[in-house]
Protein backbone atom coordinates (compact mmCIF):
# COMPACT_ATOMS: atom_id res chain seq x y z
CA MET A 1 37.17 -109.96 166.98
CA SER A 2 34.98 -109.27 164.03
CA GLU A 3 34.23 -112.15 161.75
CA ILE A 4 35.90 -111.97 158.36
CA ILE A 5 33.47 -112.85 155.61
CA GLU A 6 35.12 -114.36 152.60
CA PRO A 7 33.66 -113.16 149.27
CA GLU A 8 31.87 -115.81 147.29
CA PRO A 9 34.33 -117.18 144.72
CA ARG A 10 33.43 -116.61 141.12
CA ARG A 11 32.92 -119.58 138.92
CA PRO A 12 35.72 -120.22 136.46
CA LEU A 13 35.50 -118.61 133.05
CA SER A 14 35.23 -122.06 131.49
CA ARG A 15 31.64 -122.32 132.79
CA VAL A 16 30.78 -119.05 131.05
CA LEU A 17 32.38 -120.18 127.81
CA GLY A 18 30.47 -123.46 128.07
CA GLN A 19 27.23 -121.51 128.46
CA LEU A 20 27.99 -119.42 125.37
CA ALA A 21 29.03 -122.49 123.40
CA THR A 22 25.79 -124.26 124.28
CA ALA A 23 23.77 -121.26 123.13
CA GLY A 24 25.76 -121.29 119.89
CA PHE A 25 25.14 -125.02 119.43
CA PHE A 26 21.42 -124.30 119.69
CA GLY A 27 21.65 -121.78 116.87
CA ALA A 28 23.92 -123.90 114.68
CA VAL A 29 22.15 -127.27 115.02
CA ILE A 30 18.80 -127.17 116.82
CA MET A 31 17.48 -124.05 115.09
CA PRO A 32 17.94 -125.34 111.49
CA PHE A 33 16.47 -128.72 112.45
CA GLY A 34 13.47 -127.06 114.09
CA LEU A 35 12.93 -124.86 111.06
CA PHE A 36 13.02 -127.90 108.80
CA ALA A 37 10.44 -129.62 111.00
CA VAL A 38 8.16 -126.55 110.94
CA LEU A 39 8.35 -126.31 107.15
CA ALA A 40 7.63 -130.03 106.84
CA ALA A 41 4.58 -129.68 109.07
CA LEU A 42 3.30 -126.67 107.12
CA PHE A 43 3.67 -128.30 103.73
CA GLY A 44 1.88 -131.56 104.39
CA GLY A 45 4.16 -133.40 106.76
CA GLY A 46 1.26 -134.56 108.92
CA LEU A 47 1.55 -135.84 112.45
CA PRO A 48 5.18 -137.07 112.17
CA ALA A 49 6.37 -133.62 111.14
CA LEU A 50 4.25 -132.00 113.88
CA GLY A 51 5.80 -134.37 116.38
CA MET A 52 9.27 -133.44 115.13
CA THR A 53 8.41 -129.77 115.61
CA VAL A 54 7.24 -130.26 119.20
CA ALA A 55 10.24 -132.45 119.98
CA ALA A 56 12.65 -129.89 118.53
CA ALA A 57 11.02 -127.08 120.53
CA LEU A 58 11.18 -129.05 123.79
CA ALA A 59 14.75 -130.18 123.14
CA GLY A 60 15.79 -126.63 122.33
CA PHE A 61 14.21 -125.23 125.48
CA ALA A 62 15.77 -127.94 127.62
CA LEU A 63 19.17 -127.28 126.06
CA LEU A 64 18.95 -123.54 126.72
CA TYR A 65 17.68 -124.12 130.26
CA GLY A 66 20.65 -126.38 130.85
CA ALA A 67 22.97 -123.74 129.41
CA ALA A 68 21.61 -121.19 131.91
CA ALA A 69 22.24 -123.67 134.72
CA LEU A 70 25.89 -124.15 133.73
CA ALA A 71 26.87 -120.84 135.29
CA PRO A 72 23.86 -119.54 137.24
CA GLY A 73 25.83 -116.87 139.09
CA GLU A 74 27.33 -115.44 135.92
CA SER A 75 24.06 -114.38 134.32
CA TRP A 76 21.54 -111.84 135.55
CA LEU A 77 18.75 -114.39 135.11
CA GLY A 78 20.34 -117.69 136.10
CA GLY A 79 19.82 -117.66 139.85
CA SER A 80 16.38 -119.33 139.94
CA ARG A 81 14.23 -121.67 137.91
CA VAL A 82 12.05 -118.81 136.72
CA GLY A 83 15.16 -116.83 135.83
CA ARG A 84 16.60 -119.74 133.85
CA CYS A 85 13.30 -120.13 131.99
CA CYS A 86 13.38 -116.42 131.17
CA TRP A 87 17.00 -116.74 130.04
CA ALA A 88 16.05 -119.61 127.72
CA VAL A 89 13.13 -117.65 126.25
CA LEU A 90 15.19 -114.48 125.72
CA VAL A 91 18.14 -116.25 124.14
CA GLY A 92 15.89 -118.41 121.99
CA GLY A 93 13.56 -115.58 120.98
CA PHE A 94 15.97 -112.72 120.33
CA GLY A 95 18.62 -115.09 119.04
CA GLY A 96 16.07 -116.55 116.63
CA LEU A 97 15.11 -113.05 115.48
CA GLY A 98 18.76 -112.21 114.86
CA TRP A 99 19.23 -115.56 113.12
CA TRP A 100 16.37 -114.85 110.71
CA LEU A 101 17.42 -111.24 110.06
CA GLY A 102 21.02 -112.26 109.44
CA TRP A 103 20.00 -115.04 107.08
CA ALA A 104 17.53 -112.83 105.16
CA ILE A 105 19.93 -109.90 104.78
CA THR A 106 23.00 -111.94 103.84
CA ASN A 107 20.91 -113.87 101.34
CA GLU A 108 19.67 -110.57 99.87
CA LEU A 109 23.26 -109.35 99.67
CA GLY A 110 24.32 -112.53 97.85
CA LEU A 111 26.79 -113.55 100.53
CA ALA A 112 27.71 -117.19 101.04
CA VAL A 113 27.46 -117.13 104.85
CA SER A 114 23.98 -118.64 104.76
CA ARG A 115 25.24 -121.85 103.13
CA PRO A 116 26.82 -124.77 104.98
CA PRO A 117 29.27 -125.23 106.53
CA LEU A 118 29.79 -121.51 107.13
CA GLY A 119 26.07 -121.09 107.65
CA LEU A 120 26.17 -123.31 110.74
CA LEU A 121 28.83 -121.13 112.36
CA ALA A 122 27.05 -117.94 111.34
CA GLY A 123 23.80 -119.28 112.81
CA ALA A 124 25.45 -119.60 116.21
CA VAL A 125 26.53 -115.94 116.35
CA PRO A 126 23.22 -114.21 117.31
CA PHE A 127 22.51 -116.70 120.11
CA VAL A 128 26.01 -116.31 121.53
CA LEU A 129 25.69 -112.52 121.42
CA VAL A 130 22.31 -112.50 123.20
CA ALA A 131 23.68 -114.84 125.87
CA GLY A 132 26.73 -112.59 126.20
CA LEU A 133 24.53 -109.52 126.74
CA LEU A 134 22.94 -111.23 129.76
CA LEU A 135 26.27 -111.91 131.52
CA ARG A 136 27.29 -110.15 134.72
CA ARG A 137 30.90 -109.77 133.62
CA TRP A 138 30.82 -106.28 132.21
CA TYR A 139 33.64 -106.73 129.70
CA LEU A 140 31.90 -109.73 128.12
CA ALA A 141 28.54 -107.94 128.05
CA VAL A 142 30.05 -104.75 126.59
CA GLY A 143 32.01 -106.79 124.05
CA SER A 144 28.84 -108.61 122.98
CA LEU A 145 27.04 -105.28 122.63
CA ALA A 146 29.86 -103.80 120.54
CA ILE A 147 29.92 -106.80 118.20
CA THR A 148 26.11 -106.69 117.87
CA VAL A 149 26.13 -103.00 116.95
CA ALA A 150 29.02 -103.47 114.50
CA LEU A 151 27.40 -106.45 112.75
CA GLY A 152 24.01 -104.73 112.63
CA GLY A 153 25.51 -101.57 111.17
CA TRP A 154 27.45 -103.53 108.56
CA LEU A 155 24.36 -105.47 107.46
CA LEU A 156 22.18 -102.35 107.32
CA ALA A 157 24.83 -100.48 105.32
CA GLY A 158 24.97 -103.32 102.81
CA LEU A 159 21.18 -103.40 102.58
CA ALA A 160 21.00 -99.63 102.00
CA ALA A 161 23.60 -99.87 99.21
CA LEU A 162 21.61 -102.42 97.20
CA PRO A 163 20.19 -101.15 93.91
CA PRO A 164 16.45 -100.36 94.01
CA ASP A 165 13.96 -103.06 93.14
CA PRO A 166 12.60 -102.31 89.62
CA ALA A 167 9.31 -104.00 90.50
CA GLU A 168 8.77 -101.58 93.40
CA VAL A 169 9.49 -98.62 91.12
CA SER A 170 6.93 -99.89 88.59
CA ARG A 171 4.31 -100.35 91.31
CA ARG A 172 4.73 -96.80 92.58
CA LEU A 173 4.58 -95.31 89.09
CA ALA A 174 1.39 -97.27 88.36
CA ALA A 175 -0.19 -96.27 91.68
CA THR A 176 0.41 -92.56 91.03
CA SER A 177 -0.47 -92.78 87.30
CA VAL A 178 2.76 -91.02 86.40
CA ASP A 179 4.62 -91.57 83.14
CA ARG A 180 8.26 -92.17 83.91
CA THR A 181 9.40 -90.35 80.78
CA GLN A 182 7.82 -87.19 82.22
CA LEU A 183 9.94 -87.25 85.36
CA PHE A 184 13.20 -85.36 85.14
CA ALA A 185 15.42 -84.50 88.07
CA THR A 186 18.31 -82.15 88.62
CA GLU A 187 20.80 -81.49 91.39
CA LEU A 188 22.06 -78.23 92.83
CA PRO A 189 24.39 -77.67 95.80
CA GLY A 190 22.43 -76.57 98.84
CA TYR A 191 19.07 -77.81 97.54
CA ARG A 192 17.03 -80.89 98.36
CA ILE A 193 14.56 -82.64 96.05
CA ARG A 194 10.91 -83.26 96.81
CA ARG A 195 7.98 -84.22 94.61
CA ASP A 196 5.08 -81.83 94.10
CA SER A 197 2.15 -83.23 92.09
CA ASP A 198 3.50 -84.10 88.64
CA ARG A 199 6.70 -82.11 88.91
CA TRP A 200 9.87 -81.98 90.93
CA ARG A 201 10.68 -79.19 93.32
CA LEU A 202 14.10 -78.15 94.62
CA ALA A 203 13.90 -76.51 98.02
CA PRO A 204 16.83 -74.74 99.72
CA ASP A 205 18.25 -76.64 102.67
CA GLY A 206 17.03 -75.35 106.00
CA GLU A 207 14.35 -73.07 104.53
CA PRO A 208 10.57 -73.60 104.29
CA ARG A 209 8.76 -73.80 101.01
CA GLY A 210 8.73 -70.38 99.44
CA ALA A 211 9.88 -68.01 96.75
CA LYS A 212 13.35 -69.56 96.45
CA ASP A 213 12.02 -72.98 95.40
CA ILE A 214 12.84 -74.28 91.91
CA GLU A 215 10.34 -76.35 89.91
CA VAL A 216 11.37 -78.94 87.32
CA SER A 217 8.72 -80.19 84.89
CA VAL A 218 8.41 -81.63 81.40
CA MET A 219 6.36 -80.13 78.58
CA PRO A 220 5.86 -81.01 74.92
CA PRO A 221 8.17 -79.09 72.59
CA GLY A 222 6.58 -76.18 70.79
CA PRO A 223 7.43 -73.08 68.78
CA ALA A 224 9.08 -70.26 70.71
CA THR A 225 6.51 -67.69 69.58
CA GLU A 226 3.68 -69.64 71.25
CA ALA A 227 5.65 -70.24 74.45
CA CYS A 228 6.70 -66.61 74.73
CA ALA A 229 3.20 -65.18 74.29
CA ALA A 230 2.54 -64.77 78.03
CA SER A 231 6.12 -63.80 78.98
CA LEU A 232 7.41 -60.36 79.79
CA GLU A 233 10.83 -61.41 78.56
CA CYS A 234 11.72 -64.32 76.29
CA ALA A 235 15.09 -64.80 74.63
CA GLU A 236 17.28 -67.58 73.28
CA ASP A 237 20.18 -68.02 75.67
CA ALA A 238 21.88 -70.78 73.65
CA ALA A 239 20.97 -73.43 71.12
CA GLY A 240 17.86 -75.16 72.46
CA LEU A 241 17.92 -73.12 75.67
CA ARG A 242 15.35 -70.32 76.12
CA TYR A 243 15.03 -67.87 79.02
CA GLN A 244 11.55 -66.70 80.04
CA ARG A 245 10.30 -64.25 82.66
CA THR A 246 6.75 -63.52 83.81
CA ALA A 247 5.42 -61.21 86.51
CA GLY A 248 6.17 -63.69 89.31
CA GLN A 249 8.60 -66.29 87.95
CA HIS A 250 11.51 -66.74 85.62
CA GLY A 251 13.46 -69.70 84.33
CA TYR A 252 14.63 -71.72 81.36
CA VAL A 253 13.15 -74.14 78.86
CA HIS A 254 15.63 -76.66 77.51
CA GLN A 255 14.52 -78.32 74.27
CA ARG A 256 15.34 -82.03 74.03
CA GLU A 257 14.63 -84.51 71.23
CA ARG A 258 10.99 -85.30 72.05
CA LEU A 259 10.25 -83.02 74.99
CA ALA A 260 11.25 -79.81 76.70
CA VAL A 261 12.45 -79.53 80.30
CA ARG A 262 11.20 -76.42 82.09
CA VAL A 263 12.95 -75.07 85.18
CA LEU A 264 11.19 -72.21 86.96
CA GLY A 265 11.84 -70.27 90.14
CA GLY A 266 10.75 -67.14 91.91
CA LEU A 267 12.24 -63.82 90.93
CA GLY A 268 14.49 -64.07 93.97
CA VAL A 269 16.28 -67.11 92.56
CA ASP A 270 19.51 -66.36 90.74
CA ARG A 271 19.25 -66.68 86.95
CA LYS A 272 22.59 -68.48 86.67
CA LEU A 273 21.36 -71.07 89.15
CA LEU A 274 18.23 -71.72 87.07
CA ARG A 275 20.35 -72.08 83.93
CA GLU A 276 22.61 -74.58 85.65
CA ALA A 277 19.59 -76.58 86.84
CA ALA A 278 18.06 -76.67 83.35
CA LEU A 279 21.25 -77.90 81.71
CA ALA A 280 21.79 -80.54 84.41
CA ALA A 281 18.23 -81.92 84.23
CA ARG A 282 18.12 -85.65 83.40
CA PRO A 283 15.70 -88.58 83.65
CA ALA A 284 15.14 -89.58 87.26
CA THR A 285 16.92 -92.69 88.51
CA ASP A 286 15.23 -95.61 90.27
CA ALA A 287 16.64 -94.49 93.61
CA GLU A 288 15.28 -90.97 93.16
CA LEU A 289 11.87 -92.31 92.18
CA LEU A 290 11.72 -94.43 95.34
CA ASP A 291 12.69 -91.43 97.44
CA ILE A 292 10.02 -89.21 95.92
CA LEU A 293 7.07 -91.38 94.87
CA PRO A 294 4.73 -92.48 97.68
CA PRO A 295 4.41 -96.23 98.35
CA ASP A 296 1.62 -98.18 96.69
CA GLN A 297 -1.00 -98.57 99.42
CA ARG A 298 -2.39 -101.68 97.71
CA HIS A 299 0.92 -103.51 98.15
CA GLN A 300 1.87 -104.69 101.61
CA PRO A 301 5.68 -104.54 101.96
CA SER A 302 7.44 -107.54 103.43
CA PRO A 303 9.43 -107.22 106.69
CA LEU A 304 12.61 -107.21 104.60
CA ASP A 305 11.23 -104.38 102.45
CA ARG A 306 10.52 -102.35 105.58
CA LEU A 307 14.01 -103.09 106.86
CA ARG A 308 15.47 -101.94 103.53
CA GLN A 309 13.50 -98.68 103.76
CA PHE A 310 14.75 -98.21 107.31
CA ALA A 311 18.35 -98.81 106.22
CA ARG A 312 18.02 -96.27 103.40
CA SER A 313 16.52 -93.69 105.76
CA LEU A 314 19.50 -94.12 108.08
CA ALA A 315 21.93 -93.82 105.18
CA GLY A 316 20.21 -90.61 104.06
């Protein structure tokens, strides 16, 4: 008779939940204490603060190592001492990264989740999710992944929706030596905006730069006779709105109070479209300036600034 081999019984789910709870306790309690110790050591805490930092790091590692040992067969890395050390490093490292990102973004969004007591519970979430991703039980790992993606998408969407930083707009204007009052923008269906030297250019979607592009620029107001001198055709279309055509371009000049907005396009661009663009021209918003103006190379953006730029690029 062939020997019947009994499958190895799985550990009860309570061991897994205990492992996740221990990882969460690390994020809720040990992580804030360790951060406090690090800050105290950096700002003149001396040897006592340094000792607190080392003690917090050792206690945190021991706690996470013990969490891995609670259910060694349930995690992909819990079957050996080296595996448990790797589990502790991964949960502590990636959980700490998620903890910092979550705190920085929620603080930027003005949410109260970074303040106690809710902040303690929120601090446990990234560590629990990282520990859940390392589990062998597929439904727990997939659930942890789904929650991670959902939370990350929600935070990035909130970051992308924040109003632009006025200081960043001022830095970019100063770096490019551009007067903000000279920057007007306009919108047309089927066209995208891009900056070209000291003017704005509307390019048709899906087409390379060419004869169908529309240029938007600002010029000082002047008498019509002087402006029409080099034009093949020049006529008042409406009050303050003048149509001009040269050998290669045509467009409109819209007189404002202290300036004139000029919208030009190739002869292949429809005249009604140019008229619509001229009438819709307006001062550029902060968001449009950030999309068009290049970053100031003298200013090093913070990690949160880079994350904000990434979120805006995803949002389109």
